[in-house]
Protein backbone atom coordinates (compact mmCIF):
# COMPACT_ATOMS: atom_id res chain seq x y z
CA UNK A 1 0.00 0.00 0.00
CA UNK A 2 1.52 3.33 -1.05
CA UNK A 3 0.34 6.21 1.12
CA UNK A 4 0.77 9.77 -0.07
CA UNK A 5 0.54 12.57 2.47
CA UNK A 6 -2.12 15.25 2.03
CA UNK A 7 -1.10 18.72 3.28
CA UNK A 8 -4.25 19.63 5.20
CA UNK A 9 -4.84 21.35 8.50
CA UNK A 10 -6.48 19.60 11.43
CA UNK A 11 -9.35 22.13 11.59
CA UNK A 12 -10.29 21.59 7.96
CA UNK A 13 -10.26 17.80 8.43
CA UNK A 14 -12.35 17.94 11.59
CA UNK A 15 -15.00 20.04 9.85
CA UNK A 16 -15.13 17.67 6.89
CA UNK A 17 -15.36 14.58 9.09
CA UNK A 18 -18.25 15.96 11.03
CA UNK A 19 -20.14 16.97 7.90
CA UNK A 20 -19.32 14.22 5.39
CA UNK A 21 -17.44 11.25 6.83
CA UNK A 22 -19.48 8.49 8.42
CA UNK A 23 -18.29 7.14 11.77
CA UNK A 24 -18.68 3.54 12.93
CA UNK A 25 -17.28 2.89 16.40
CA UNK A 26 -16.14 -0.73 16.79
CA UNK A 27 -15.42 -0.70 20.54
CA UNK A 28 -17.92 0.73 23.04
CA UNK A 29 -18.22 -0.67 26.57
CA UNK A 30 -21.61 -0.94 28.19
CA UNK A 31 -21.88 -1.74 31.89
CA UNK A 32 -24.51 -2.97 34.31
CA UNK A 33 -26.14 -0.22 36.38
CA UNK A 34 -26.19 -2.57 39.39
CA UNK A 35 -25.95 -6.22 40.39
CA UNK A 36 -29.74 -6.36 40.64
CA UNK A 37 -30.06 -5.37 36.98
CA UNK A 38 -28.68 -8.73 35.82
CA UNK A 39 -30.41 -10.99 38.32
CA UNK A 40 -33.82 -10.63 36.69
CA UNK A 41 -32.31 -12.29 33.60
CA UNK A 42 -30.94 -15.30 35.52
CA UNK A 43 -32.75 -18.54 36.43
CA UNK A 44 -33.56 -18.81 40.14
CA UNK A 45 -30.67 -21.18 40.87
CA UNK A 46 -28.09 -18.84 39.36
CA UNK A 47 -29.79 -15.74 40.73
CA UNK A 48 -29.21 -17.11 44.23
CA UNK A 49 -25.68 -18.15 43.29
CA UNK A 50 -24.89 -14.65 42.07
CA UNK A 51 -26.32 -13.08 45.21
CA UNK A 52 -24.39 -15.41 47.55
CA UNK A 53 -21.05 -15.80 45.75
CA UNK A 54 -20.87 -13.07 43.12
CA UNK A 55 -18.43 -13.36 40.22
CA UNK A 56 -15.45 -15.63 40.79
CA UNK A 57 -13.00 -15.23 37.93
CA UNK A 58 -9.33 -16.08 37.59
CA UNK A 59 -6.65 -14.15 39.45
CA UNK A 60 -5.06 -11.30 37.53
CA UNK A 61 -4.47 -7.57 37.37
CA UNK A 62 -7.49 -5.33 37.68
CA UNK A 63 -8.12 -1.71 36.80
CA UNK A 64 -6.68 0.64 39.43
CA UNK A 65 -9.14 1.99 41.98
CA UNK A 66 -8.18 5.51 40.94
CA UNK A 67 -10.10 4.87 37.70
CA UNK A 68 -13.09 2.61 38.48
CA UNK A 69 -13.94 0.60 35.37
CA UNK A 70 -10.97 2.41 33.73
CA UNK A 71 -13.44 5.21 32.94
CA UNK A 72 -12.56 8.74 31.92
CA UNK A 73 -13.62 11.26 34.55
CA UNK A 74 -16.34 12.94 32.49
CA UNK A 75 -18.05 9.66 31.53
CA UNK A 76 -19.88 9.28 34.85
CA UNK A 77 -23.47 10.28 34.07
CA UNK A 78 -25.48 12.84 36.09
CA UNK A 79 -27.89 10.03 36.96
CA UNK A 80 -25.27 8.65 39.36
CA UNK A 81 -25.07 5.34 37.49
CA UNK A 82 -21.68 3.77 36.70
CA UNK A 83 -19.83 4.91 33.59
CA UNK A 84 -21.12 3.13 30.51
CA UNK A 85 -24.41 2.04 32.08
CA UNK A 86 -26.67 4.99 31.18
CA UNK A 87 -27.91 4.72 27.58
CA UNK A 88 -29.27 8.28 27.47
CA UNK A 89 -25.93 9.71 28.58
CA UNK A 90 -24.05 7.50 26.10
CA UNK A 91 -26.30 8.81 23.35
CA UNK A 92 -25.55 12.39 24.33
CA UNK A 93 -21.81 12.06 24.96
CA UNK A 94 -20.88 9.62 22.20
CA UNK A 95 -23.45 8.69 19.57
CA UNK A 96 -24.99 12.14 19.12
CA UNK A 97 -21.85 14.15 19.86
CA UNK A 98 -19.99 12.48 17.01
CA UNK A 99 -23.02 11.75 14.81
CA UNK A 100 -22.19 8.05 14.77
CA UNK A 101 -23.87 5.81 12.26
CA UNK A 102 -23.30 2.60 14.25
CA UNK A 103 -21.54 1.53 17.41
CA UNK A 104 -20.59 -1.97 18.59
CA UNK A 105 -20.95 -2.84 22.27
CA UNK A 106 -18.27 -5.07 23.81
CA UNK A 107 -19.48 -6.00 27.27
CA UNK A 108 -16.50 -6.79 29.54
CA UNK A 109 -18.26 -7.78 32.75
CA UNK A 110 -16.46 -11.12 32.99
CA UNK A 111 -18.90 -13.90 32.19
CA UNK A 112 -16.35 -15.65 30.01
CA UNK A 113 -13.76 -16.22 32.71
CA UNK A 114 -15.91 -17.57 35.55
CA UNK A 115 -14.43 -20.52 37.44
CA UNK A 116 -17.88 -22.14 37.52
CA UNK A 117 -18.45 -22.78 33.82
CA UNK A 118 -22.17 -23.53 34.17
CA UNK A 119 -22.67 -20.26 35.99
CA UNK A 120 -20.60 -18.55 33.31
CA UNK A 121 -22.96 -19.95 30.66
CA UNK A 122 -26.06 -18.77 32.56
CA UNK A 123 -24.49 -15.37 33.21
CA UNK A 124 -23.63 -15.04 29.50
CA UNK A 125 -27.23 -15.78 28.57
CA UNK A 126 -28.45 -13.20 31.05
CA UNK A 127 -26.05 -10.55 29.77
CA UNK A 128 -27.05 -11.15 26.15
CA UNK A 129 -30.77 -10.95 26.99
CA UNK A 130 -30.08 -7.75 28.96
CA UNK A 131 -28.16 -6.28 26.02
CA UNK A 132 -31.11 -6.95 23.71
CA UNK A 133 -33.71 -5.42 26.01
CA UNK A 134 -31.74 -2.53 27.53
CA UNK A 135 -29.54 -1.49 24.61
CA UNK A 136 -30.29 -2.95 21.19
CA UNK A 137 -34.07 -2.54 21.15
CA UNK A 138 -34.18 1.08 22.37
CA UNK A 139 -31.20 2.30 20.28
CA UNK A 140 -31.13 1.28 16.59
CA UNK A 141 -27.60 2.61 16.06
CA UNK A 142 -26.15 0.06 18.48
CA UNK A 143 -25.05 -3.49 17.76
CA UNK A 144 -23.40 -5.88 20.21
CA UNK A 145 -20.96 -8.74 20.60
CA UNK A 146 -22.27 -12.06 21.89
CA UNK A 147 -20.95 -12.70 25.40
CA UNK A 148 -19.95 -16.36 25.83
CA UNK A 149 -18.37 -18.67 28.46
CA UNK A 150 -15.36 -19.00 26.17
CA UNK A 151 -13.40 -21.49 28.30
CA UNK A 152 -15.94 -24.15 27.29
CA UNK A 153 -16.28 -24.55 23.53
CA UNK A 154 -19.57 -26.48 23.64
CA UNK A 155 -21.29 -24.10 26.05
CA UNK A 156 -20.05 -21.19 23.95
CA UNK A 157 -21.38 -22.76 20.76
CA UNK A 158 -24.77 -23.28 22.40
CA UNK A 159 -25.01 -19.58 23.31
CA UNK A 160 -23.91 -18.50 19.83
CA UNK A 161 -26.61 -20.76 18.37
CA UNK A 162 -29.19 -19.32 20.78
CA UNK A 163 -28.73 -15.65 19.86
CA UNK A 164 -26.46 -15.69 16.79
CA UNK A 165 -29.30 -15.00 14.36
CA UNK A 166 -30.49 -11.93 16.27
CA UNK A 167 -29.83 -8.93 13.98
CA UNK A 168 -28.39 -6.91 16.85
CA UNK A 169 -25.42 -9.24 17.37
CA UNK A 170 -22.56 -8.82 14.90
CA UNK A 171 -19.64 -10.73 16.46
CA UNK A 172 -18.62 -13.07 19.29
CA UNK A 173 -16.45 -11.79 22.15
CA UNK A 174 -13.50 -13.39 23.97
CA UNK A 175 -10.67 -11.89 26.02
CA UNK A 176 -7.04 -11.79 24.89
CA UNK A 177 -5.84 -13.68 27.97
CA UNK A 178 -7.40 -17.13 28.03
CA UNK A 179 -6.54 -20.27 30.00
CA UNK A 180 -4.98 -21.85 26.92
CA UNK A 181 -3.95 -20.45 23.52
CA UNK A 182 -7.01 -20.05 21.33
CA UNK A 183 -5.77 -22.47 18.69
CA UNK A 184 -6.39 -25.42 21.02
CA UNK A 185 -9.12 -27.94 20.21
CA UNK A 186 -11.15 -27.06 23.31
CA UNK A 187 -12.24 -23.86 21.52
CA UNK A 188 -13.04 -25.37 18.11
CA UNK A 189 -16.79 -25.83 18.71
CA UNK A 190 -16.93 -22.09 19.27
CA UNK A 191 -15.36 -21.48 15.86
CA UNK A 192 -17.77 -23.87 14.20
CA UNK A 193 -20.64 -21.81 15.62
CA UNK A 194 -19.04 -18.55 14.49
CA UNK A 195 -18.81 -19.93 10.96
CA UNK A 196 -22.36 -21.27 11.16
CA UNK A 197 -23.72 -17.81 11.88
CA UNK A 198 -21.09 -15.89 9.87
CA UNK A 199 -20.05 -13.94 12.97
CA UNK A 200 -16.48 -12.66 13.41
CA UNK A 201 -14.62 -13.59 16.57
CA UNK A 202 -13.57 -10.46 18.49
CA UNK A 203 -10.52 -10.85 20.75
CA UNK A 204 -10.48 -7.95 23.18
CA UNK A 205 -7.84 -6.47 25.49
CA UNK A 206 -7.97 -8.04 28.96
CA UNK A 207 -8.88 -11.29 30.60
CA UNK A 208 -7.42 -13.11 33.58
CA UNK A 209 -6.23 -16.63 32.87
CA UNK A 210 -4.71 -17.37 36.26
CA UNK A 211 -1.30 -17.48 34.57
CA UNK A 212 1.35 -14.72 34.72
CA UNK A 213 0.23 -11.73 32.71
CA UNK A 214 3.49 -11.42 30.75
CA UNK A 215 5.93 -13.82 29.13
CA UNK A 216 8.39 -13.02 31.92
CA UNK A 217 6.13 -13.46 34.95
CA UNK A 218 3.93 -11.22 37.07
CA UNK A 219 4.43 -7.44 36.73
CA UNK A 220 4.48 -5.06 39.68
CA UNK A 221 2.50 -2.26 38.07
CA UNK A 222 -0.77 -1.71 36.24
CA UNK A 223 1.35 0.29 33.79
CA UNK A 224 3.35 -2.86 32.92
CA UNK A 225 0.17 -4.88 32.57
CA UNK A 226 -1.44 -2.31 30.30
CA UNK A 227 1.62 -1.74 28.11
CA UNK A 228 2.38 -5.46 27.91
CA UNK A 229 -1.01 -6.57 26.58
CA UNK A 230 0.29 -7.02 22.98
CA UNK A 231 2.14 -10.11 24.25
CA UNK A 232 -1.23 -11.83 24.70
CA UNK A 233 -2.42 -10.79 21.24
CA UNK A 234 0.78 -12.06 19.65
CA UNK A 235 0.40 -15.41 21.39
CA UNK A 236 -3.17 -15.77 20.17
CA UNK A 237 -2.30 -14.90 16.57
CA UNK A 238 0.56 -17.41 16.59
CA UNK A 239 -1.64 -20.12 18.11
CA UNK A 240 -4.58 -19.65 15.75
CA UNK A 241 -2.31 -19.65 12.71
CA UNK A 242 0.08 -22.50 13.60
CA UNK A 243 -2.64 -24.80 14.96
CA UNK A 244 -4.30 -24.70 11.53
CA UNK A 245 -7.55 -23.16 12.78
CA UNK A 246 -8.11 -21.29 9.52
CA UNK A 247 -7.46 -24.37 7.44
CA UNK A 248 -10.18 -26.17 9.38
CA UNK A 249 -12.50 -23.14 9.57
CA UNK A 250 -11.81 -21.21 6.34
CA UNK A 251 -14.72 -18.81 6.90
CA UNK A 252 -13.57 -17.68 10.34
CA UNK A 253 -12.85 -13.95 10.71
CA UNK A 254 -10.97 -12.56 13.72
CA UNK A 255 -10.94 -8.96 14.98
CA UNK A 256 -8.14 -7.92 17.34
CA UNK A 257 -9.67 -5.21 19.54
CA UNK A 258 -7.66 -2.68 21.54
CA UNK A 259 -4.36 -4.47 21.09
CA UNK A 260 -2.57 -2.06 18.77
CA UNK A 261 -1.05 -3.19 15.50
CA UNK A 262 2.55 -1.89 15.24
CA UNK A 263 3.78 -5.30 16.45
CA UNK A 264 2.10 -7.26 13.66
CA UNK A 265 4.43 -6.66 10.66
CA UNK A 266 7.59 -7.92 12.45
CA UNK A 267 5.59 -10.85 13.84
CA UNK A 268 4.50 -11.81 10.32
CA UNK A 269 8.11 -11.58 9.10
CA UNK A 270 9.28 -13.81 11.93
CA UNK A 271 6.54 -16.37 11.39
CA UNK A 272 7.20 -16.52 7.64
CA UNK A 273 10.91 -17.04 8.16
CA UNK A 274 10.36 -19.80 10.73
CA UNK A 275 7.66 -21.51 8.65
CA UNK A 276 10.06 -22.05 5.76
CA UNK A 277 12.31 -24.05 8.07
CA UNK A 278 9.84 -25.64 10.47
CA UNK A 279 6.68 -26.22 8.41
CA UNK A 280 7.14 -29.98 8.71
CA UNK A 281 5.90 -29.60 12.30
CA UNK A 282 2.69 -27.79 11.28
CA UNK A 283 1.31 -29.64 8.22
CA UNK A 284 -2.06 -28.00 8.84
CA UNK A 285 -0.57 -24.67 7.79
CA UNK A 286 -0.42 -24.80 4.00
CA UNK A 287 0.50 -21.18 3.19
CA UNK A 288 2.74 -18.43 4.51
CA UNK A 289 1.53 -17.25 7.94
CA UNK A 290 1.45 -13.66 6.68
CA UNK A 291 -0.99 -14.69 3.94
CA UNK A 292 -3.24 -16.36 6.49
CA UNK A 293 -3.11 -13.33 8.78
CA UNK A 294 -3.93 -10.85 6.01
CA UNK A 295 -6.83 -13.06 4.90
CA UNK A 296 -8.45 -13.72 8.27
CA UNK A 297 -7.60 -10.86 10.68
CA UNK A 298 -8.91 -7.33 11.23
CA UNK A 299 -7.62 -4.77 13.77
CA UNK A 300 -9.08 -1.79 15.60
CA UNK A 301 -7.28 1.54 15.71
CA UNK A 302 -7.45 2.14 19.44
CA UNK A 303 -4.82 2.38 20.82
CA UNK A 304 -3.45 4.06 17.70
CA UNK A 305 0.32 3.83 17.48
CA UNK A 306 1.85 7.32 17.55
CA UNK A 307 5.53 7.24 16.51
CA UNK A 308 7.52 10.44 17.04
CA UNK A 309 7.72 11.17 13.29
CA UNK A 310 4.76 11.00 10.91
CA UNK A 311 6.69 9.20 8.20
CA UNK A 312 7.24 6.29 10.59
CA UNK A 313 3.47 5.76 10.77
CA UNK A 314 3.27 5.83 6.97
CA UNK A 315 6.02 3.20 6.79
CA UNK A 316 4.24 1.06 9.37
CA UNK A 317 0.97 1.14 7.43
CA UNK A 318 2.78 0.20 4.24
CA UNK A 319 4.50 -2.72 5.99
CA UNK A 320 1.22 -3.84 7.54
CA UNK A 321 -0.51 -3.79 4.12
CA UNK A 322 -3.94 -4.23 5.72
CA UNK A 323 -5.47 -0.81 5.11
CA UNK A 324 -8.87 -2.41 4.34
CA UNK A 325 -8.68 -4.31 7.66
CA UNK A 326 -8.32 -1.37 10.08
CA UNK A 327 -11.48 -0.47 12.02
CA UNK A 328 -12.03 2.74 13.95
CA UNK A 329 -12.67 2.47 17.70
CA UNK A 330 -13.01 4.95 20.56
CA UNK A 331 -12.86 2.57 23.57
CA UNK A 332 -15.59 4.68 25.21
CA UNK A 333 -15.93 5.29 28.17
CA UNK A 334 -12.38 4.31 29.12
CA UNK A 335 -9.66 6.78 30.04
CA UNK A 336 -7.70 6.19 26.82
CA UNK A 337 -10.67 7.18 24.64
CA UNK A 338 -9.80 8.13 21.03
CA UNK A 339 -11.76 11.02 19.54
CA UNK A 340 -13.10 10.50 16.00
CA UNK A 341 -11.70 13.93 15.14
CA UNK A 342 -8.14 13.13 16.17
CA UNK A 343 -7.56 9.38 15.96
CA UNK A 344 -6.51 9.27 12.30
CA UNK A 345 -3.79 11.74 11.24
CA UNK A 346 -5.32 14.29 8.84
CA UNK A 347 -2.42 14.01 6.42
CA UNK A 348 -3.29 10.43 5.47
CA UNK A 349 -5.25 9.97 2.22
CA UNK A 350 -8.96 10.69 2.28
CA UNK A 351 -10.01 7.26 1.03
CA UNK A 352 -7.82 5.59 3.63
CA UNK A 353 -9.45 7.63 6.41
CA UNK A 354 -12.91 6.93 5.03
CA UNK A 355 -12.20 3.20 5.00
CA UNK A 356 -10.92 3.20 8.56
CA UNK A 357 -13.64 5.45 9.97
CA UNK A 358 -16.57 3.52 8.50
CA UNK A 359 -16.32 1.53 5.28
CA UNK A 360 -14.07 -1.30 6.45
CA UNK A 361 -16.44 -1.99 9.35
CA UNK A 362 -19.46 -1.65 7.08
CA UNK A 363 -18.08 -4.38 4.85
CA UNK A 364 -17.03 -6.72 7.65
CA UNK A 365 -20.23 -6.44 9.72
CA UNK A 366 -22.53 -6.01 6.70
CA UNK A 367 -23.96 -2.68 7.88
CA UNK A 368 -26.30 -0.96 5.47
CA UNK A 369 -25.62 2.73 4.87
CA UNK A 370 -28.02 5.03 6.70
């Protein structure tokens, strides 16, 4: 991909974006207003379980208390509800403020990593029913990811089959840190269901597997945890590719959400080089890993890499060669929110920006233009 730089000012680009360029936000986080809000969607057995024991996930780093739910300070609504839980305020602060055409909800409440897998399945069902009633039905601009108990492939497939044909659900959600690499057979039923319903698999920043959060052990700081998340994304890409998942499930599409993308070109180079020497060990991988990645993966822009010199970003995008696979995301209401007016450098070509801001997502998720 050759990218020419357009000499335009930021003010001119902001005005044009707000008047002409559609915006599709591929990463919005909705939250429960209270524990009671979910219990009405649970069977009596699991309602009592939730009241007595709460959520019991795997050990791992959590958001610092200084930023509950990692929310930006102005995202707490006047209603007093938690950030991300008030639809009216989200409309005002995000959807209306930026005149968004569509937004995709990625609910990160933790159903997928519950120690009790049966409770995780029931909690996932409750969350998906809550998303339909509280978010998708009252707001036609919103779509959502299917929450699943992803550590059990069969239970996950059952939930995808239950709600996968609902028009409000456009992908299936898992966390980047799982108990085992996602290429393992225990997850394959989940991929079969994704293919069955033509739903992309979204792998999102976060998750607590019970294992050390980095390749070198447990970090001391939230800062290390946050900055080191690409390690988990790299591991999942390597696993999915080398285990032959895309050979077995050729229709599977994977979206890497909130993991960055500057690390991907050198990873593809390394995988290609190793494959030429070690492909005897992975007979299920019949083509260059970089070809598989460019065919099956999409990436969100947030967090957008910001090298110190603009030409470095241009070089990175050319090396990535996936300009039709980049999807705009704000990460609302989190503290590292990316504004639609500032996320994409204004000097990049107009068609590239248009693809990232809306058209790539429209094609992947089959959104119809408003």
